[in-house]
Amino acid sequence: MNTTVNIFVVQIINMDSNWPYKLVGVYSSKELADAAGIKACEMWEEDGRMTHTVTILALDDLINGVDRYEL
């Protein structure tokens, strides 16, 4: 049984200036994360060409109840 809880961290970056990442938020699904990333890129569009990244992380670093560093 899979007991892993994933979180989806969304960040945006300006592709023209390599402006550092800006944290958008943390979401419970890839669909919500992508929607938030697209909305954030549209909101910050006047600052240049924006893109978003979604990083998937295991909550508390536990994958099926085992610390990911012990796998």
N, C-alpha and C. Protein backbone atom coordinates (compact mmCIF):
# COMPACT_ATOMS: atom_id res chain seq x y z
N MET A 1 0.84 -1.19 0.00
CA MET A 1 0.00 0.00 0.00
C MET A 1 0.89 1.25 0.00
N ASN A 2 0.56 2.20 -0.84
CA ASN A 2 1.32 3.44 -0.95
C ASN A 2 0.83 4.43 0.11
N THR A 3 1.71 4.81 1.02
CA THR A 3 1.34 5.75 2.08
C THR A 3 2.04 7.09 1.91
N THR A 4 2.62 7.32 0.75
CA THR A 4 3.35 8.55 0.49
C THR A 4 2.39 9.70 0.24
N VAL A 5 2.61 10.82 0.92
CA VAL A 5 1.84 12.03 0.68
C VAL A 5 2.75 13.00 -0.06
N ASN A 6 2.36 13.37 -1.29
CA ASN A 6 3.16 14.28 -2.08
C ASN A 6 2.65 15.70 -1.95
N ILE A 7 3.58 16.65 -2.00
CA ILE A 7 3.22 18.06 -2.08
C ILE A 7 3.86 18.61 -3.35
N PHE A 8 3.22 19.60 -3.93
CA PHE A 8 3.66 20.17 -5.20
C PHE A 8 4.00 21.64 -4.98
N VAL A 9 5.29 21.97 -5.09
CA VAL A 9 5.78 23.32 -4.83
C VAL A 9 5.91 24.04 -6.18
N VAL A 10 5.29 25.23 -6.29
CA VAL A 10 5.30 25.98 -7.54
C VAL A 10 6.14 27.24 -7.38
N GLN A 11 7.04 27.46 -8.36
CA GLN A 11 7.88 28.65 -8.39
C GLN A 11 7.85 29.22 -9.81
N ILE A 12 8.09 30.53 -9.94
CA ILE A 12 8.18 31.16 -11.27
C ILE A 12 9.54 31.81 -11.44
N ILE A 13 9.94 31.98 -12.71
CA ILE A 13 11.21 32.64 -13.03
C ILE A 13 11.01 33.47 -14.29
N ASN A 14 11.72 34.59 -14.36
CA ASN A 14 11.72 35.45 -15.54
C ASN A 14 12.79 34.91 -16.49
N MET A 15 12.39 34.45 -17.67
CA MET A 15 13.34 33.85 -18.60
C MET A 15 14.22 34.88 -19.31
N ASP A 16 13.81 36.15 -19.32
CA ASP A 16 14.61 37.18 -19.97
C ASP A 16 15.80 37.62 -19.12
N SER A 17 15.60 37.72 -17.83
CA SER A 17 16.65 38.28 -16.97
C SER A 17 17.21 37.27 -15.96
N ASN A 18 16.70 36.03 -16.00
CA ASN A 18 17.07 35.04 -14.98
C ASN A 18 16.75 35.54 -13.58
N TRP A 19 15.72 36.36 -13.50
CA TRP A 19 15.23 36.85 -12.21
C TRP A 19 15.03 35.65 -11.29
N PRO A 20 15.49 35.71 -10.08
CA PRO A 20 15.42 34.55 -9.18
C PRO A 20 13.99 34.01 -9.01
N TYR A 21 13.92 32.77 -8.64
CA TYR A 21 12.63 32.13 -8.43
C TYR A 21 11.79 32.88 -7.40
N LYS A 22 10.51 32.91 -7.66
CA LYS A 22 9.54 33.48 -6.72
C LYS A 22 8.60 32.34 -6.35
N LEU A 23 8.43 32.09 -5.07
CA LEU A 23 7.54 31.04 -4.60
C LEU A 23 6.10 31.43 -4.85
N VAL A 24 5.35 30.57 -5.52
CA VAL A 24 3.92 30.80 -5.78
C VAL A 24 3.10 30.16 -4.67
N GLY A 25 3.39 28.90 -4.34
CA GLY A 25 2.64 28.22 -3.29
C GLY A 25 2.91 26.72 -3.28
N VAL A 26 2.21 26.04 -2.40
CA VAL A 26 2.31 24.60 -2.24
C VAL A 26 0.91 24.02 -2.40
N TYR A 27 0.80 22.94 -3.20
CA TYR A 27 -0.51 22.42 -3.57
C TYR A 27 -0.58 20.91 -3.37
N SER A 28 -1.80 20.40 -3.34
CA SER A 28 -2.03 18.98 -3.06
C SER A 28 -2.10 18.12 -4.32
N SER A 29 -2.14 18.75 -5.52
CA SER A 29 -2.18 17.97 -6.75
C SER A 29 -1.43 18.69 -7.86
N LYS A 30 -1.00 17.93 -8.85
CA LYS A 30 -0.29 18.49 -10.00
C LYS A 30 -1.20 19.44 -10.78
N GLU A 31 -2.47 19.11 -10.88
CA GLU A 31 -3.41 19.94 -11.61
C GLU A 31 -3.55 21.32 -10.97
N LEU A 32 -3.69 21.36 -9.64
CA LEU A 32 -3.80 22.63 -8.93
C LEU A 32 -2.50 23.42 -9.04
N ALA A 33 -1.38 22.72 -8.97
CA ALA A 33 -0.07 23.38 -9.06
C ALA A 33 0.13 24.01 -10.44
N ASP A 34 -0.20 23.27 -11.49
CA ASP A 34 -0.06 23.81 -12.84
C ASP A 34 -0.95 25.02 -13.05
N ALA A 35 -2.18 24.95 -12.58
CA ALA A 35 -3.11 26.08 -12.72
C ALA A 35 -2.58 27.31 -12.00
N ALA A 36 -2.05 27.13 -10.81
CA ALA A 36 -1.50 28.26 -10.04
C ALA A 36 -0.26 28.83 -10.74
N GLY A 37 0.56 27.97 -11.31
CA GLY A 37 1.76 28.43 -12.01
C GLY A 37 1.41 29.24 -13.24
N ILE A 38 0.42 28.80 -14.00
CA ILE A 38 -0.01 29.53 -15.19
C ILE A 38 -0.59 30.88 -14.80
N LYS A 39 -1.42 30.89 -13.77
CA LYS A 39 -2.02 32.15 -13.31
C LYS A 39 -0.95 33.13 -12.83
N ALA A 40 0.06 32.63 -12.10
CA ALA A 40 1.13 33.49 -11.60
C ALA A 40 1.95 34.06 -12.76
N CYS A 41 2.20 33.25 -13.78
CA CYS A 41 2.95 33.74 -14.94
C CYS A 41 2.19 34.85 -15.65
N GLU A 42 0.87 34.70 -15.76
CA GLU A 42 0.05 35.74 -16.38
C GLU A 42 0.06 37.02 -15.54
N MET A 43 0.02 36.87 -14.23
CA MET A 43 0.00 38.01 -13.33
C MET A 43 1.30 38.80 -13.40
N TRP A 44 2.43 38.12 -13.53
CA TRP A 44 3.74 38.77 -13.54
C TRP A 44 4.27 38.99 -14.95
N GLU A 45 3.43 38.83 -15.97
CA GLU A 45 3.87 38.88 -17.35
C GLU A 45 4.51 40.21 -17.75
N GLU A 46 4.09 41.32 -17.15
CA GLU A 46 4.67 42.61 -17.51
C GLU A 46 6.16 42.69 -17.17
N ASP A 47 6.64 41.81 -16.32
CA ASP A 47 8.06 41.80 -15.96
C ASP A 47 8.91 41.03 -16.97
N GLY A 48 8.30 40.44 -17.99
CA GLY A 48 9.04 39.68 -19.00
C GLY A 48 8.42 38.31 -19.22
N ARG A 49 9.14 37.51 -19.99
CA ARG A 49 8.66 36.15 -20.27
C ARG A 49 8.81 35.31 -19.00
N MET A 50 7.70 34.77 -18.54
CA MET A 50 7.71 34.00 -17.31
C MET A 50 7.45 32.51 -17.59
N THR A 51 8.01 31.68 -16.76
CA THR A 51 7.73 30.25 -16.81
C THR A 51 7.57 29.76 -15.37
N HIS A 52 6.94 28.61 -15.21
CA HIS A 52 6.80 28.08 -13.85
C HIS A 52 7.36 26.66 -13.78
N THR A 53 7.78 26.30 -12.59
CA THR A 53 8.25 24.94 -12.32
C THR A 53 7.41 24.36 -11.20
N VAL A 54 7.21 23.05 -11.26
CA VAL A 54 6.52 22.33 -10.19
C VAL A 54 7.47 21.27 -9.67
N THR A 55 7.80 21.33 -8.40
CA THR A 55 8.67 20.35 -7.76
C THR A 55 7.80 19.46 -6.88
N ILE A 56 7.91 18.15 -7.09
CA ILE A 56 7.13 17.19 -6.31
C ILE A 56 8.00 16.67 -5.18
N LEU A 57 7.51 16.81 -3.96
CA LEU A 57 8.26 16.36 -2.78
C LEU A 57 7.39 15.44 -1.93
N ALA A 58 8.01 14.48 -1.28
CA ALA A 58 7.31 13.63 -0.34
C ALA A 58 7.22 14.36 1.00
N LEU A 59 6.02 14.45 1.55
CA LEU A 59 5.82 15.13 2.83
C LEU A 59 6.65 14.44 3.91
N ASP A 60 7.37 15.22 4.67
CA ASP A 60 8.25 14.74 5.75
C ASP A 60 9.33 13.79 5.25
N ASP A 61 9.63 13.82 3.94
CA ASP A 61 10.64 12.93 3.33
C ASP A 61 10.34 11.45 3.53
N LEU A 62 9.06 11.10 3.72
CA LEU A 62 8.69 9.70 3.92
C LEU A 62 8.07 9.14 2.65
N ILE A 63 8.66 8.05 2.15
CA ILE A 63 8.13 7.34 1.00
C ILE A 63 7.71 5.96 1.47
N ASN A 64 6.41 5.73 1.47
CA ASN A 64 5.83 4.48 2.00
C ASN A 64 6.30 4.21 3.43
N GLY A 65 6.36 5.27 4.22
CA GLY A 65 6.70 5.14 5.63
C GLY A 65 8.18 5.04 5.93
N VAL A 66 9.04 5.10 4.91
CA VAL A 66 10.49 4.98 5.09
C VAL A 66 11.13 6.30 4.69
N ASP A 67 12.06 6.78 5.50
CA ASP A 67 12.78 8.00 5.17
C ASP A 67 13.46 7.82 3.83
N ARG A 68 13.31 8.81 2.95
CA ARG A 68 13.83 8.67 1.58
C ARG A 68 15.34 8.49 1.55
N TYR A 69 16.05 8.93 2.57
CA TYR A 69 17.50 8.76 2.61
C TYR A 69 17.92 7.36 3.01
N GLU A 70 16.97 6.55 3.47
CA GLU A 70 17.26 5.18 3.83
C GLU A 70 16.92 4.20 2.71
N LEU A 71 16.36 4.71 1.61
CA LEU A 71 15.98 3.83 0.49
C LEU A 71 17.17 3.49 -0.36
